[in-house]
Amino acid sequence: MHEIIIPLTPLWWKGVVICLLTISSVLLFFNRASSEWKLWFTKFFAYTSILVYVVTTVVAIFEQEWNIQDFLPLHLCTISFFICILVLLTKKQWLYEWALLVAMPSGLHSALTPALTPELSMGISNWYLFEYYFVHGSLMLVPLYLTIVLGMRPRIGSWWKTFLRVQIGAVIVFPFNFIFDTNYMFLAAKPLVENPFLIGDWPFYIFFLELFVFLHILLIYTITPKKTG
């Protein structure tokens, strides 16, 4: 069921262009909109995201494709997707910091970076292809929207707290993989994709992934203005 999108192919370019155009259009429009419209969009996009997830689950069940290995929301990107939904509805500060420091680089690498090959764990039908780019585009759009349009900012020192929260998820998912023969967060085996961050075999590549996650969090934290007061 796992499929990959070869970078720089027409399909890859189509996904990249649509993602970039949609994200930039939303940011440009709502940055000039009234406060009421800005807040309306947060609820609209949150409920739309929930609907996309529900429809994906229904499609998978109807097509008899749903399985515990691919459809539980335990990958880092899926966890981040739900955190993006929650922060749109609640505006909780720690959820925003996760969205900014973890979700955004995850979405960027998964959907747009030529060095990384997108892997669709659910297959490559029209709906699953849309769902893949919707989810990973959302991981970029939501933190950018909250930062640029709504003016949210990370707290001083939020980088290390966010990194520790990621570790909590990994500690829970790691034994789950071996109990139920799954590979969420790619902690039990390497993904199929060509990825320069996947150095060595299991379990050594996990330590390099942790290092790159840490560096991404630190980089985005460093270049983003901090919350004051």
N, C-alpha and C. Protein backbone atom coordinates (compact mmCIF):
# COMPACT_ATOMS: atom_id res chain seq x y z
N MET A 1 0.82 -1.21 0.00
CA MET A 1 0.00 0.00 0.00
C MET A 1 0.85 1.26 0.00
N HIS A 2 2.03 1.19 0.58
CA HIS A 2 2.88 2.38 0.63
C HIS A 2 3.34 2.77 -0.78
N GLU A 3 3.22 4.06 -1.09
CA GLU A 3 3.63 4.58 -2.39
C GLU A 3 4.53 5.79 -2.16
N ILE A 4 5.38 6.07 -3.13
CA ILE A 4 6.23 7.26 -3.04
C ILE A 4 5.99 8.15 -4.24
N ILE A 5 6.22 9.46 -4.04
CA ILE A 5 6.14 10.43 -5.13
C ILE A 5 7.57 10.83 -5.46
N ILE A 6 8.00 10.54 -6.66
CA ILE A 6 9.37 10.84 -7.05
C ILE A 6 9.56 12.35 -7.17
N PRO A 7 10.54 12.93 -6.47
CA PRO A 7 10.76 14.37 -6.54
C PRO A 7 11.04 14.84 -7.96
N LEU A 8 10.55 16.06 -8.26
CA LEU A 8 10.76 16.77 -9.52
C LEU A 8 9.98 16.16 -10.69
N THR A 9 9.11 15.20 -10.42
CA THR A 9 8.20 14.70 -11.46
C THR A 9 7.00 15.65 -11.56
N PRO A 10 6.19 15.56 -12.64
CA PRO A 10 5.02 16.44 -12.76
C PRO A 10 4.07 16.35 -11.56
N LEU A 11 3.85 15.14 -11.04
CA LEU A 11 2.97 14.99 -9.88
C LEU A 11 3.54 15.70 -8.67
N TRP A 12 4.84 15.56 -8.45
CA TRP A 12 5.50 16.23 -7.32
C TRP A 12 5.38 17.75 -7.47
N TRP A 13 5.66 18.27 -8.66
CA TRP A 13 5.57 19.71 -8.89
C TRP A 13 4.16 20.22 -8.68
N LYS A 14 3.16 19.45 -9.14
CA LYS A 14 1.77 19.88 -8.97
C LYS A 14 1.44 20.03 -7.49
N GLY A 15 1.86 19.06 -6.67
CA GLY A 15 1.60 19.15 -5.24
C GLY A 15 2.30 20.34 -4.60
N VAL A 16 3.55 20.58 -4.98
CA VAL A 16 4.31 21.70 -4.42
C VAL A 16 3.68 23.03 -4.79
N VAL A 17 3.36 23.21 -6.05
CA VAL A 17 2.81 24.49 -6.52
C VAL A 17 1.47 24.79 -5.87
N ILE A 18 0.59 23.78 -5.82
CA ILE A 18 -0.72 23.99 -5.21
C ILE A 18 -0.58 24.33 -3.73
N CYS A 19 0.32 23.64 -3.02
CA CYS A 19 0.55 23.93 -1.60
C CYS A 19 1.01 25.37 -1.40
N LEU A 20 2.02 25.77 -2.16
CA LEU A 20 2.59 27.11 -1.99
C LEU A 20 1.58 28.20 -2.35
N LEU A 21 0.83 28.00 -3.44
CA LEU A 21 -0.16 28.99 -3.84
C LEU A 21 -1.28 29.11 -2.80
N THR A 22 -1.73 27.98 -2.29
CA THR A 22 -2.81 28.01 -1.30
C THR A 22 -2.35 28.69 -0.01
N ILE A 23 -1.18 28.31 0.48
CA ILE A 23 -0.68 28.89 1.73
C ILE A 23 -0.47 30.39 1.60
N SER A 24 0.20 30.81 0.53
CA SER A 24 0.47 32.25 0.35
C SER A 24 -0.82 33.05 0.13
N SER A 25 -1.79 32.47 -0.57
CA SER A 25 -3.06 33.17 -0.82
C SER A 25 -3.82 33.37 0.49
N VAL A 26 -3.88 32.32 1.32
CA VAL A 26 -4.58 32.43 2.60
C VAL A 26 -3.91 33.48 3.49
N LEU A 27 -2.59 33.45 3.56
CA LEU A 27 -1.87 34.41 4.42
C LEU A 27 -2.06 35.84 3.93
N LEU A 28 -1.98 36.04 2.63
CA LEU A 28 -2.13 37.39 2.08
C LEU A 28 -3.54 37.92 2.29
N PHE A 29 -4.55 37.08 2.06
CA PHE A 29 -5.94 37.54 2.19
C PHE A 29 -6.30 37.84 3.64
N PHE A 30 -6.04 36.89 4.54
CA PHE A 30 -6.51 37.05 5.91
C PHE A 30 -5.63 37.99 6.72
N ASN A 31 -4.41 38.24 6.26
CA ASN A 31 -3.59 39.22 6.96
C ASN A 31 -4.17 40.63 6.86
N ARG A 32 -4.99 40.85 5.82
CA ARG A 32 -5.63 42.16 5.63
C ARG A 32 -7.10 42.14 6.03
N ALA A 33 -7.58 41.00 6.48
CA ALA A 33 -8.99 40.87 6.82
C ALA A 33 -9.27 41.41 8.23
N SER A 34 -10.55 41.54 8.56
CA SER A 34 -10.94 42.01 9.89
C SER A 34 -10.67 40.91 10.93
N SER A 35 -10.71 41.31 12.18
CA SER A 35 -10.47 40.35 13.26
C SER A 35 -11.51 39.23 13.26
N GLU A 36 -12.76 39.60 12.93
CA GLU A 36 -13.82 38.60 12.89
C GLU A 36 -13.54 37.54 11.83
N TRP A 37 -13.08 37.96 10.65
CA TRP A 37 -12.77 37.02 9.58
C TRP A 37 -11.56 36.16 9.92
N LYS A 38 -10.59 36.76 10.57
CA LYS A 38 -9.40 36.00 10.97
C LYS A 38 -9.76 34.88 11.92
N LEU A 39 -10.60 35.17 12.90
CA LEU A 39 -10.99 34.16 13.87
C LEU A 39 -11.96 33.15 13.25
N TRP A 40 -12.81 33.61 12.31
CA TRP A 40 -13.70 32.69 11.61
C TRP A 40 -12.91 31.62 10.86
N PHE A 41 -11.82 32.04 10.24
CA PHE A 41 -11.04 31.09 9.46
C PHE A 41 -10.42 30.01 10.34
N THR A 42 -10.02 30.37 11.55
CA THR A 42 -9.41 29.36 12.43
C THR A 42 -10.40 28.24 12.72
N LYS A 43 -11.66 28.59 12.98
CA LYS A 43 -12.67 27.56 13.24
C LYS A 43 -13.01 26.80 11.97
N PHE A 44 -13.17 27.53 10.86
CA PHE A 44 -13.50 26.89 9.59
C PHE A 44 -12.44 25.87 9.19
N PHE A 45 -11.18 26.25 9.31
CA PHE A 45 -10.11 25.34 8.88
C PHE A 45 -9.97 24.16 9.83
N ALA A 46 -10.19 24.41 11.12
CA ALA A 46 -10.12 23.32 12.10
C ALA A 46 -11.19 22.27 11.81
N TYR A 47 -12.42 22.70 11.58
CA TYR A 47 -13.51 21.75 11.33
C TYR A 47 -13.35 21.08 9.96
N THR A 48 -12.81 21.82 8.99
CA THR A 48 -12.53 21.21 7.69
C THR A 48 -11.48 20.12 7.82
N SER A 49 -10.47 20.35 8.65
CA SER A 49 -9.42 19.36 8.88
C SER A 49 -9.99 18.10 9.53
N ILE A 50 -10.88 18.29 10.50
CA ILE A 50 -11.52 17.14 11.14
C ILE A 50 -12.31 16.35 10.11
N LEU A 51 -13.03 17.07 9.24
CA LEU A 51 -13.83 16.42 8.20
C LEU A 51 -12.94 15.61 7.26
N VAL A 52 -11.80 16.16 6.88
CA VAL A 52 -10.88 15.45 5.99
C VAL A 52 -10.42 14.15 6.64
N TYR A 53 -10.10 14.20 7.91
CA TYR A 53 -9.66 12.99 8.61
C TYR A 53 -10.78 11.95 8.67
N VAL A 54 -11.99 12.39 8.98
CA VAL A 54 -13.12 11.48 9.07
C VAL A 54 -13.39 10.84 7.71
N VAL A 55 -13.40 11.65 6.66
CA VAL A 55 -13.66 11.13 5.31
C VAL A 55 -12.58 10.12 4.92
N THR A 56 -11.32 10.40 5.25
CA THR A 56 -10.24 9.47 4.95
C THR A 56 -10.46 8.13 5.63
N THR A 57 -10.88 8.17 6.89
CA THR A 57 -11.14 6.93 7.63
C THR A 57 -12.31 6.17 7.01
N VAL A 58 -13.38 6.89 6.65
CA VAL A 58 -14.55 6.25 6.04
C VAL A 58 -14.18 5.62 4.70
N VAL A 59 -13.40 6.35 3.89
CA VAL A 59 -12.97 5.83 2.59
C VAL A 59 -12.16 4.55 2.78
N ALA A 60 -11.24 4.58 3.73
CA ALA A 60 -10.39 3.41 3.98
C ALA A 60 -11.21 2.20 4.42
N ILE A 61 -12.20 2.43 5.28
CA ILE A 61 -13.06 1.34 5.75
C ILE A 61 -13.92 0.82 4.59
N PHE A 62 -14.51 1.74 3.83
CA PHE A 62 -15.38 1.36 2.71
C PHE A 62 -14.61 0.56 1.66
N GLU A 63 -13.35 0.95 1.41
CA GLU A 63 -12.53 0.26 0.41
C GLU A 63 -11.80 -0.95 1.01
N GLN A 64 -12.11 -1.23 2.28
CA GLN A 64 -11.49 -2.36 2.99
C GLN A 64 -9.96 -2.25 3.01
N GLU A 65 -9.50 -1.02 3.19
CA GLU A 65 -8.06 -0.75 3.24
C GLU A 65 -7.59 -0.37 4.65
N TRP A 66 -8.52 -0.09 5.55
CA TRP A 66 -8.12 0.35 6.88
C TRP A 66 -7.40 -0.78 7.60
N ASN A 67 -6.29 -0.43 8.24
CA ASN A 67 -5.55 -1.40 9.04
C ASN A 67 -4.81 -0.66 10.14
N ILE A 68 -4.44 -1.40 11.16
CA ILE A 68 -3.78 -0.79 12.32
C ILE A 68 -2.38 -0.30 11.98
N GLN A 69 -1.78 -0.84 10.93
CA GLN A 69 -0.41 -0.47 10.57
C GLN A 69 -0.31 0.93 9.95
N ASP A 70 -1.35 1.40 9.27
CA ASP A 70 -1.24 2.64 8.49
C ASP A 70 -2.19 3.75 8.90
N PHE A 71 -3.28 3.45 9.60
CA PHE A 71 -4.34 4.45 9.74
C PHE A 71 -4.53 5.00 11.14
N LEU A 72 -3.78 4.56 12.11
CA LEU A 72 -3.86 5.19 13.43
C LEU A 72 -3.10 6.53 13.40
N PRO A 73 -3.56 7.53 14.12
CA PRO A 73 -2.92 8.84 14.10
C PRO A 73 -1.70 8.90 15.02
N LEU A 74 -0.67 8.08 14.69
CA LEU A 74 0.49 7.97 15.57
C LEU A 74 1.80 8.36 14.89
N HIS A 75 1.76 8.72 13.61
CA HIS A 75 2.95 9.29 13.00
C HIS A 75 3.14 10.71 13.51
N LEU A 76 4.37 11.19 13.49
CA LEU A 76 4.64 12.54 13.99
C LEU A 76 3.83 13.58 13.23
N CYS A 77 3.72 13.42 11.91
CA CYS A 77 2.96 14.39 11.12
C CYS A 77 1.47 14.35 11.47
N THR A 78 0.93 13.15 11.72
CA THR A 78 -0.49 13.06 12.07
C THR A 78 -0.75 13.61 13.46
N ILE A 79 0.14 13.31 14.39
CA ILE A 79 0.02 13.90 15.73
C ILE A 79 0.07 15.42 15.63
N SER A 80 0.99 15.93 14.83
CA SER A 80 1.11 17.38 14.65
C SER A 80 -0.12 17.96 13.97
N PHE A 81 -0.73 17.20 13.06
CA PHE A 81 -1.96 17.64 12.39
C PHE A 81 -3.07 17.86 13.40
N PHE A 82 -3.23 16.93 14.35
CA PHE A 82 -4.26 17.09 15.37
C PHE A 82 -3.92 18.22 16.34
N ILE A 83 -2.65 18.41 16.60
CA ILE A 83 -2.25 19.53 17.44
C ILE A 83 -2.57 20.85 16.74
N CYS A 84 -2.38 20.90 15.42
CA CYS A 84 -2.75 22.10 14.66
C CYS A 84 -4.25 22.36 14.76
N ILE A 85 -5.06 21.31 14.70
CA ILE A 85 -6.51 21.49 14.85
C ILE A 85 -6.84 22.04 16.23
N LEU A 86 -6.23 21.46 17.25
CA LEU A 86 -6.52 21.89 18.62
C LEU A 86 -6.08 23.33 18.87
N VAL A 87 -4.94 23.72 18.34
CA VAL A 87 -4.47 25.09 18.59
C VAL A 87 -5.34 26.10 17.86
N LEU A 88 -5.89 25.74 16.71
CA LEU A 88 -6.81 26.64 16.03
C LEU A 88 -8.07 26.88 16.86
N LEU A 89 -8.50 25.86 17.60
CA LEU A 89 -9.73 25.97 18.39
C LEU A 89 -9.50 26.56 19.77
N THR A 90 -8.30 26.35 20.33
CA THR A 90 -8.06 26.75 21.72
C THR A 90 -7.06 27.88 21.90
N LYS A 91 -6.16 28.04 20.93
CA LYS A 91 -5.06 29.03 21.00
C LYS A 91 -4.12 28.77 22.19
N LYS A 92 -4.03 27.52 22.63
CA LYS A 92 -3.12 27.18 23.72
C LYS A 92 -1.68 27.43 23.30
N GLN A 93 -0.90 28.04 24.19
CA GLN A 93 0.45 28.45 23.84
C GLN A 93 1.36 27.26 23.52
N TRP A 94 1.32 26.19 24.32
CA TRP A 94 2.23 25.07 24.09
C TRP A 94 1.87 24.34 22.80
N LEU A 95 0.57 24.34 22.45
CA LEU A 95 0.17 23.73 21.18
C LEU A 95 0.70 24.55 20.01
N TYR A 96 0.64 25.86 20.14
CA TYR A 96 1.21 26.73 19.11
C TYR A 96 2.70 26.48 18.94
N GLU A 97 3.41 26.35 20.04
CA GLU A 97 4.86 26.14 19.97
C GLU A 97 5.19 24.80 19.30
N TRP A 98 4.38 23.77 19.57
CA TRP A 98 4.58 22.50 18.86
C TRP A 98 4.33 22.69 17.37
N ALA A 99 3.23 23.38 17.03
CA ALA A 99 2.89 23.61 15.62
C ALA A 99 4.01 24.35 14.90
N LEU A 100 4.56 25.36 15.55
CA LEU A 100 5.60 26.17 14.93
C LEU A 100 6.92 25.42 14.82
N LEU A 101 7.34 24.79 15.91
CA LEU A 101 8.69 24.23 15.99
C LEU A 101 8.79 22.79 15.49
N VAL A 102 7.69 22.05 15.51
CA VAL A 102 7.71 20.65 15.08
C VAL A 102 6.90 20.44 13.81
N ALA A 103 5.64 20.90 13.82
CA ALA A 103 4.76 20.63 12.68
C ALA A 103 5.26 21.30 11.40
N MET A 104 5.67 22.55 11.50
CA MET A 104 6.06 23.28 10.29
C MET A 104 7.24 22.65 9.55
N PRO A 105 8.36 22.34 10.23
CA PRO A 105 9.44 21.66 9.49
C PRO A 105 9.05 20.27 9.01
N SER A 106 8.17 19.58 9.75
CA SER A 106 7.71 18.26 9.31
C SER A 106 6.94 18.38 8.00
N GLY A 107 6.05 19.35 7.93
CA GLY A 107 5.28 19.55 6.71
C GLY A 107 6.15 20.00 5.56
N LEU A 108 7.10 20.88 5.85
CA LEU A 108 8.00 21.38 4.81
C LEU A 108 8.79 20.25 4.18
N HIS A 109 9.39 19.41 5.00
CA HIS A 109 10.20 18.32 4.46
C HIS A 109 9.34 17.26 3.77
N SER A 110 8.18 16.97 4.33
CA SER A 110 7.35 15.91 3.78
C SER A 110 6.73 16.29 2.44
N ALA A 111 6.37 17.55 2.27
CA ALA A 111 5.62 17.95 1.07
C ALA A 111 6.46 18.67 0.03
N LEU A 112 7.46 19.43 0.45
CA LEU A 112 8.08 20.36 -0.48
C LEU A 112 9.55 20.13 -0.78
N THR A 113 10.29 19.47 0.12
CA THR A 113 11.74 19.41 -0.03
C THR A 113 12.15 18.39 -1.09
N PRO A 114 12.87 18.82 -2.15
CA PRO A 114 13.27 17.88 -3.19
C PRO A 114 14.18 16.77 -2.69
N ALA A 115 14.95 17.04 -1.62
CA ALA A 115 15.88 16.02 -1.12
C ALA A 115 15.16 14.85 -0.48
N LEU A 116 13.90 15.06 -0.11
CA LEU A 116 13.14 14.01 0.55
C LEU A 116 12.04 13.52 -0.38
N THR A 117 11.85 12.23 -0.44
CA THR A 117 10.82 11.65 -1.28
C THR A 117 9.54 11.47 -0.47
N PRO A 118 8.44 12.13 -0.85
CA PRO A 118 7.19 11.93 -0.10
C PRO A 118 6.73 10.48 -0.15
N GLU A 119 6.37 9.95 1.02
CA GLU A 119 5.86 8.58 1.12
C GLU A 119 4.42 8.60 1.58
N LEU A 120 3.53 8.02 0.78
CA LEU A 120 2.12 7.96 1.12
C LEU A 120 1.83 6.58 1.70
N SER A 121 1.66 6.51 3.01
CA SER A 121 1.48 5.22 3.68
C SER A 121 0.10 4.63 3.41
N MET A 122 -0.84 5.45 2.93
CA MET A 122 -2.20 4.96 2.70
C MET A 122 -2.47 4.59 1.24
N GLY A 123 -1.51 4.82 0.37
CA GLY A 123 -1.74 4.58 -1.06
C GLY A 123 -1.77 5.89 -1.83
N ILE A 124 -2.01 5.81 -3.14
CA ILE A 124 -1.87 7.00 -3.99
C ILE A 124 -3.12 7.22 -4.84
N SER A 125 -4.29 6.86 -4.32
CA SER A 125 -5.54 7.19 -5.00
C SER A 125 -5.74 8.70 -4.97
N ASN A 126 -6.71 9.19 -5.71
CA ASN A 126 -6.94 10.63 -5.77
C ASN A 126 -7.22 11.22 -4.40
N TRP A 127 -8.04 10.51 -3.59
CA TRP A 127 -8.36 11.06 -2.26
C TRP A 127 -7.15 11.02 -1.35
N TYR A 128 -6.43 9.91 -1.33
CA TYR A 128 -5.27 9.82 -0.45
C TYR A 128 -4.18 10.81 -0.85
N LEU A 129 -4.07 11.08 -2.15
CA LEU A 129 -3.11 12.08 -2.61
C LEU A 129 -3.51 13.46 -2.11
N PHE A 130 -4.80 13.79 -2.24
CA PHE A 130 -5.30 15.06 -1.72
C PHE A 130 -5.09 15.15 -0.21
N GLU A 131 -5.42 14.05 0.49
CA GLU A 131 -5.28 14.04 1.95
C GLU A 131 -3.83 14.25 2.37
N TYR A 132 -2.91 13.64 1.64
CA TYR A 132 -1.49 13.77 1.98
C TYR A 132 -1.06 15.24 1.91
N TYR A 133 -1.38 15.90 0.81
CA TYR A 133 -0.95 17.29 0.66
C TYR A 133 -1.77 18.24 1.53
N PHE A 134 -3.02 17.90 1.79
CA PHE A 134 -3.81 18.72 2.70
C PHE A 134 -3.21 18.69 4.10
N VAL A 135 -2.91 17.49 4.58
CA VAL A 135 -2.36 17.35 5.93
C VAL A 135 -1.02 18.05 6.05
N HIS A 136 -0.10 17.76 5.13
CA HIS A 136 1.24 18.32 5.25
C HIS A 136 1.28 19.81 4.89
N GLY A 137 0.39 20.25 4.02
CA GLY A 137 0.25 21.68 3.78
C GLY A 137 -0.28 22.39 5.00
N SER A 138 -1.20 21.74 5.72
CA SER A 138 -1.75 22.32 6.96
C SER A 138 -0.68 22.50 8.02
N LEU A 139 0.28 21.57 8.06
CA LEU A 139 1.36 21.68 9.05
C LEU A 139 2.20 22.93 8.83
N MET A 140 2.22 23.43 7.61
CA MET A 140 2.92 24.68 7.33
C MET A 140 1.99 25.88 7.48
N LEU A 141 0.76 25.75 6.98
CA LEU A 141 -0.18 26.88 6.98
C LEU A 141 -0.55 27.31 8.40
N VAL A 142 -0.90 26.37 9.26
CA VAL A 142 -1.43 26.73 10.58
C VAL A 142 -0.43 27.53 11.41
N PRO A 143 0.82 27.07 11.60
CA PRO A 143 1.74 27.89 12.39
C PRO A 143 2.07 29.23 11.74
N LEU A 144 2.15 29.26 10.40
CA LEU A 144 2.39 30.53 9.72
C LEU A 144 1.21 31.48 9.91
N TYR A 145 -0.01 30.95 9.85
CA TYR A 145 -1.21 31.76 10.04
C TYR A 145 -1.24 32.33 11.47
N LEU A 146 -0.97 31.47 12.44
CA LEU A 146 -1.00 31.92 13.83
C LEU A 146 0.08 32.96 14.11
N THR A 147 1.22 32.82 13.45
CA THR A 147 2.35 33.74 13.68
C THR A 147 2.16 35.05 12.92
N ILE A 148 1.86 34.95 11.63
CA ILE A 148 1.80 36.14 10.78
C ILE A 148 0.47 36.87 10.91
N VAL A 149 -0.63 36.14 10.89
CA VAL A 149 -1.95 36.76 10.88
C VAL A 149 -2.45 37.08 12.29
N LEU A 150 -2.30 36.14 13.22
CA LEU A 150 -2.81 36.35 14.57
C LEU A 150 -1.76 36.88 15.54
N GLY A 151 -0.49 36.93 15.12
CA GLY A 151 0.55 37.55 15.93
C GLY A 151 1.01 36.74 17.12
N MET A 152 0.81 35.43 17.10
CA MET A 152 1.31 34.61 18.21
C MET A 152 2.82 34.47 18.12
N ARG A 153 3.47 34.28 19.26
CA ARG A 153 4.92 34.15 19.32
C ARG A 153 5.30 33.06 20.33
N PRO A 154 6.42 32.36 20.10
CA PRO A 154 6.88 31.35 21.07
C PRO A 154 7.44 32.00 22.32
N ARG A 155 7.32 31.32 23.43
CA ARG A 155 7.90 31.83 24.68
C ARG A 155 9.40 31.57 24.72
N ILE A 156 10.09 32.36 25.50
CA ILE A 156 11.52 32.15 25.70
C ILE A 156 11.72 30.79 26.38
N GLY A 157 12.59 29.98 25.83
CA GLY A 157 12.87 28.66 26.38
C GLY A 157 11.92 27.57 25.92
N SER A 158 11.00 27.90 24.99
CA SER A 158 10.02 26.90 24.57
C SER A 158 10.63 25.80 23.72
N TRP A 159 11.84 26.02 23.20
CA TRP A 159 12.46 25.03 22.32
C TRP A 159 12.71 23.71 23.04
N TRP A 160 13.26 23.77 24.26
CA TRP A 160 13.61 22.52 24.94
C TRP A 160 12.37 21.82 25.50
N LYS A 161 11.36 22.61 25.88
CA LYS A 161 10.12 22.01 26.36
C LYS A 161 9.40 21.28 25.22
N THR A 162 9.41 21.89 24.05
CA THR A 162 8.78 21.26 22.89
C THR A 162 9.51 19.99 22.50
N PHE A 163 10.83 20.02 22.53
CA PHE A 163 11.61 18.83 22.20
C PHE A 163 11.30 17.69 23.18
N LEU A 164 11.16 18.02 24.45
CA LEU A 164 10.83 16.99 25.44
C LEU A 164 9.44 16.42 25.20
N ARG A 165 8.51 17.25 24.76
CA ARG A 165 7.16 16.75 24.48
C ARG A 165 7.18 15.76 23.32
N VAL A 166 8.04 16.00 22.33
CA VAL A 166 8.17 15.05 21.23
C VAL A 166 8.67 13.70 21.76
N GLN A 167 9.58 13.75 22.73
CA GLN A 167 10.12 12.52 23.29
C GLN A 167 9.05 11.72 24.03
N ILE A 168 8.11 12.41 24.64
CA ILE A 168 7.01 11.71 25.32
C ILE A 168 6.23 10.88 24.31
N GLY A 169 5.94 11.51 23.15
CA GLY A 169 5.25 10.77 22.09
C GLY A 169 6.04 9.58 21.61
N ALA A 170 7.35 9.76 21.44
CA ALA A 170 8.20 8.66 20.96
C ALA A 170 8.25 7.52 21.96
N VAL A 171 8.31 7.84 23.25
CA VAL A 171 8.37 6.81 24.29
C VAL A 171 7.08 5.98 24.31
N ILE A 172 5.96 6.60 23.99
CA ILE A 172 4.69 5.88 23.95
C ILE A 172 4.59 5.02 22.69
N VAL A 173 4.99 5.59 21.55
CA VAL A 173 4.82 4.92 20.26
C VAL A 173 5.82 3.77 20.10
N PHE A 174 7.03 3.93 20.63
CA PHE A 174 8.08 2.92 20.44
C PHE A 174 7.64 1.52 20.87
N PRO A 175 7.19 1.32 22.10
CA PRO A 175 6.74 -0.04 22.47
C PRO A 175 5.47 -0.46 21.73
N PHE A 176 4.60 0.50 21.42
CA PHE A 176 3.39 0.18 20.67
C PHE A 176 3.73 -0.50 19.35
N ASN A 177 4.76 0.01 18.67
CA ASN A 177 5.17 -0.57 17.39
C ASN A 177 5.52 -2.05 17.52
N PHE A 178 6.24 -2.40 18.55
CA PHE A 178 6.70 -3.77 18.69
C PHE A 178 5.61 -4.70 19.22
N ILE A 179 4.67 -4.14 19.95
CA ILE A 179 3.55 -4.95 20.44
C ILE A 179 2.58 -5.28 19.31
N PHE A 180 2.31 -4.29 18.45
CA PHE A 180 1.28 -4.46 17.42
C PHE A 180 1.86 -4.56 16.01
N ASP A 181 3.19 -4.71 15.89
CA ASP A 181 3.84 -4.88 14.59
C ASP A 181 3.53 -3.71 13.65
N THR A 182 3.73 -2.49 14.14
CA THR A 182 3.53 -1.28 13.35
C THR A 182 4.86 -0.54 13.23
N ASN A 183 4.83 0.57 12.51
CA ASN A 183 6.06 1.35 12.33
C ASN A 183 5.77 2.85 12.40
N TYR A 184 4.97 3.25 13.38
CA TYR A 184 4.64 4.66 13.53
C TYR A 184 5.85 5.46 13.99
N MET A 185 5.92 6.68 13.48
CA MET A 185 7.07 7.57 13.69
C MET A 185 8.36 6.96 13.14
N PHE A 186 8.21 5.87 12.38
CA PHE A 186 9.35 5.17 11.77
C PHE A 186 10.40 4.79 12.81
N LEU A 187 9.90 4.34 13.96
CA LEU A 187 10.80 3.95 15.05
C LEU A 187 11.16 2.48 15.03
N ALA A 188 10.43 1.67 14.22
CA ALA A 188 10.71 0.24 14.16
C ALA A 188 11.48 -0.15 12.91
N ALA A 189 11.41 0.68 11.87
CA ALA A 189 12.11 0.39 10.62
C ALA A 189 12.20 1.66 9.80
N LYS A 190 13.18 1.73 8.91
CA LYS A 190 13.33 2.88 8.03
C LYS A 190 12.13 3.00 7.09
N PRO A 191 11.72 4.22 6.76
CA PRO A 191 10.71 4.37 5.71
C PRO A 191 11.29 4.03 4.34
N LEU A 192 10.42 3.94 3.33
CA LEU A 192 10.87 3.56 2.00
C LEU A 192 11.62 4.68 1.29
N VAL A 193 11.45 5.90 1.74
CA VAL A 193 11.90 7.07 0.99
C VAL A 193 13.42 7.22 1.02
N GLU A 194 13.92 7.95 0.01
CA GLU A 194 15.33 8.37 0.02
C GLU A 194 15.42 9.63 0.86
N ASN A 195 16.11 9.54 1.97
CA ASN A 195 16.13 10.64 2.93
C ASN A 195 17.54 10.80 3.49
N PRO A 196 18.18 11.97 3.25
CA PRO A 196 19.55 12.16 3.74
C PRO A 196 19.66 12.18 5.26
N PHE A 197 18.53 12.32 5.97
CA PHE A 197 18.55 12.32 7.42
C PHE A 197 18.55 10.90 8.00
N LEU A 198 18.29 9.91 7.15
CA LEU A 198 18.25 8.52 7.62
C LEU A 198 19.63 7.90 7.45
N ILE A 199 20.44 8.05 8.47
CA ILE A 199 21.83 7.61 8.42
C ILE A 199 21.98 6.32 9.21
N GLY A 200 22.48 5.28 8.54
CA GLY A 200 22.68 4.00 9.21
C GLY A 200 21.43 3.15 9.26
N ASP A 201 21.57 2.00 9.85
CA ASP A 201 20.45 1.06 9.99
C ASP A 201 19.81 1.22 11.37
N TRP A 202 18.72 0.44 11.57
CA TRP A 202 18.05 0.47 12.87
C TRP A 202 18.99 -0.13 13.93
N PRO A 203 19.10 0.47 15.11
CA PRO A 203 18.36 1.64 15.58
C PRO A 203 19.12 2.95 15.44
N PHE A 204 20.28 2.90 14.76
CA PHE A 204 21.17 4.07 14.76
C PHE A 204 20.58 5.28 14.05
N TYR A 205 19.77 5.03 12.99
CA TYR A 205 19.20 6.17 12.27
C TYR A 205 18.24 6.97 13.14
N ILE A 206 17.69 6.34 14.20
CA ILE A 206 16.77 7.04 15.09
C ILE A 206 17.49 8.17 15.83
N PHE A 207 18.73 7.91 16.24
CA PHE A 207 19.49 8.95 16.95
C PHE A 207 19.78 10.14 16.04
N PHE A 208 20.05 9.87 14.75
CA PHE A 208 20.27 10.97 13.82
C PHE A 208 18.97 11.73 13.55
N LEU A 209 17.85 11.00 13.48
CA LEU A 209 16.57 11.68 13.33
C LEU A 209 16.29 12.59 14.52
N GLU A 210 16.59 12.10 15.72
CA GLU A 210 16.41 12.92 16.92
C GLU A 210 17.28 14.17 16.84
N LEU A 211 18.50 14.01 16.37
CA LEU A 211 19.41 15.15 16.26
C LEU A 211 18.86 16.18 15.28
N PHE A 212 18.36 15.72 14.13
CA PHE A 212 17.86 16.65 13.13
C PHE A 212 16.57 17.32 13.60
N VAL A 213 15.73 16.59 14.33
CA VAL A 213 14.53 17.21 14.91
C VAL A 213 14.93 18.31 15.88
N PHE A 214 15.91 18.01 16.72
CA PHE A 214 16.39 19.00 17.69
C PHE A 214 16.93 20.25 16.98
N LEU A 215 17.73 20.05 15.93
CA LEU A 215 18.32 21.18 15.22
C LEU A 215 17.26 22.01 14.51
N HIS A 216 16.24 21.36 13.96
CA HIS A 216 15.15 22.10 13.31
C HIS A 216 14.39 22.93 14.32
N ILE A 217 14.09 22.34 15.47
CA ILE A 217 13.39 23.08 16.52
C ILE A 217 14.21 24.30 16.95
N LEU A 218 15.49 24.09 17.16
CA LEU A 218 16.36 25.17 17.62
C LEU A 218 16.49 26.27 16.57
N LEU A 219 16.58 25.88 15.30
CA LEU A 219 16.71 26.87 14.22
C LEU A 219 15.48 27.75 14.12
N ILE A 220 14.29 27.13 14.08
CA ILE A 220 13.07 27.92 13.94
C ILE A 220 12.84 28.78 15.18
N TYR A 221 13.14 28.23 16.35
CA TYR A 221 13.03 29.01 17.58
C TYR A 221 13.95 30.24 17.53
N THR A 222 15.15 30.06 17.03
CA THR A 222 16.14 31.13 17.02
C THR A 222 15.72 32.28 16.09
N ILE A 223 15.14 31.96 14.95
CA ILE A 223 14.84 33.00 13.95
C ILE A 223 13.44 33.62 14.15
N THR A 224 12.65 33.09 15.08
CA THR A 224 11.30 33.62 15.31
C THR A 224 11.31 34.60 16.47
N PRO A 225 10.72 35.79 16.31
CA PRO A 225 10.61 36.72 17.43
C PRO A 225 9.88 36.07 18.60
N LYS A 226 10.29 36.41 19.81
CA LYS A 226 9.76 35.75 21.01
C LYS A 226 8.62 36.56 21.64
N LYS A 227 7.80 35.85 22.39
CA LYS A 227 6.71 36.49 23.13
C LYS A 227 7.28 37.30 24.28
N THR A 228 6.78 38.50 24.46
CA THR A 228 7.25 39.36 25.56
C THR A 228 6.10 39.60 26.52
N GLY A 229 6.46 39.85 27.77
CA GLY A 229 5.44 40.16 28.77
C GLY A 229 4.73 38.95 29.33
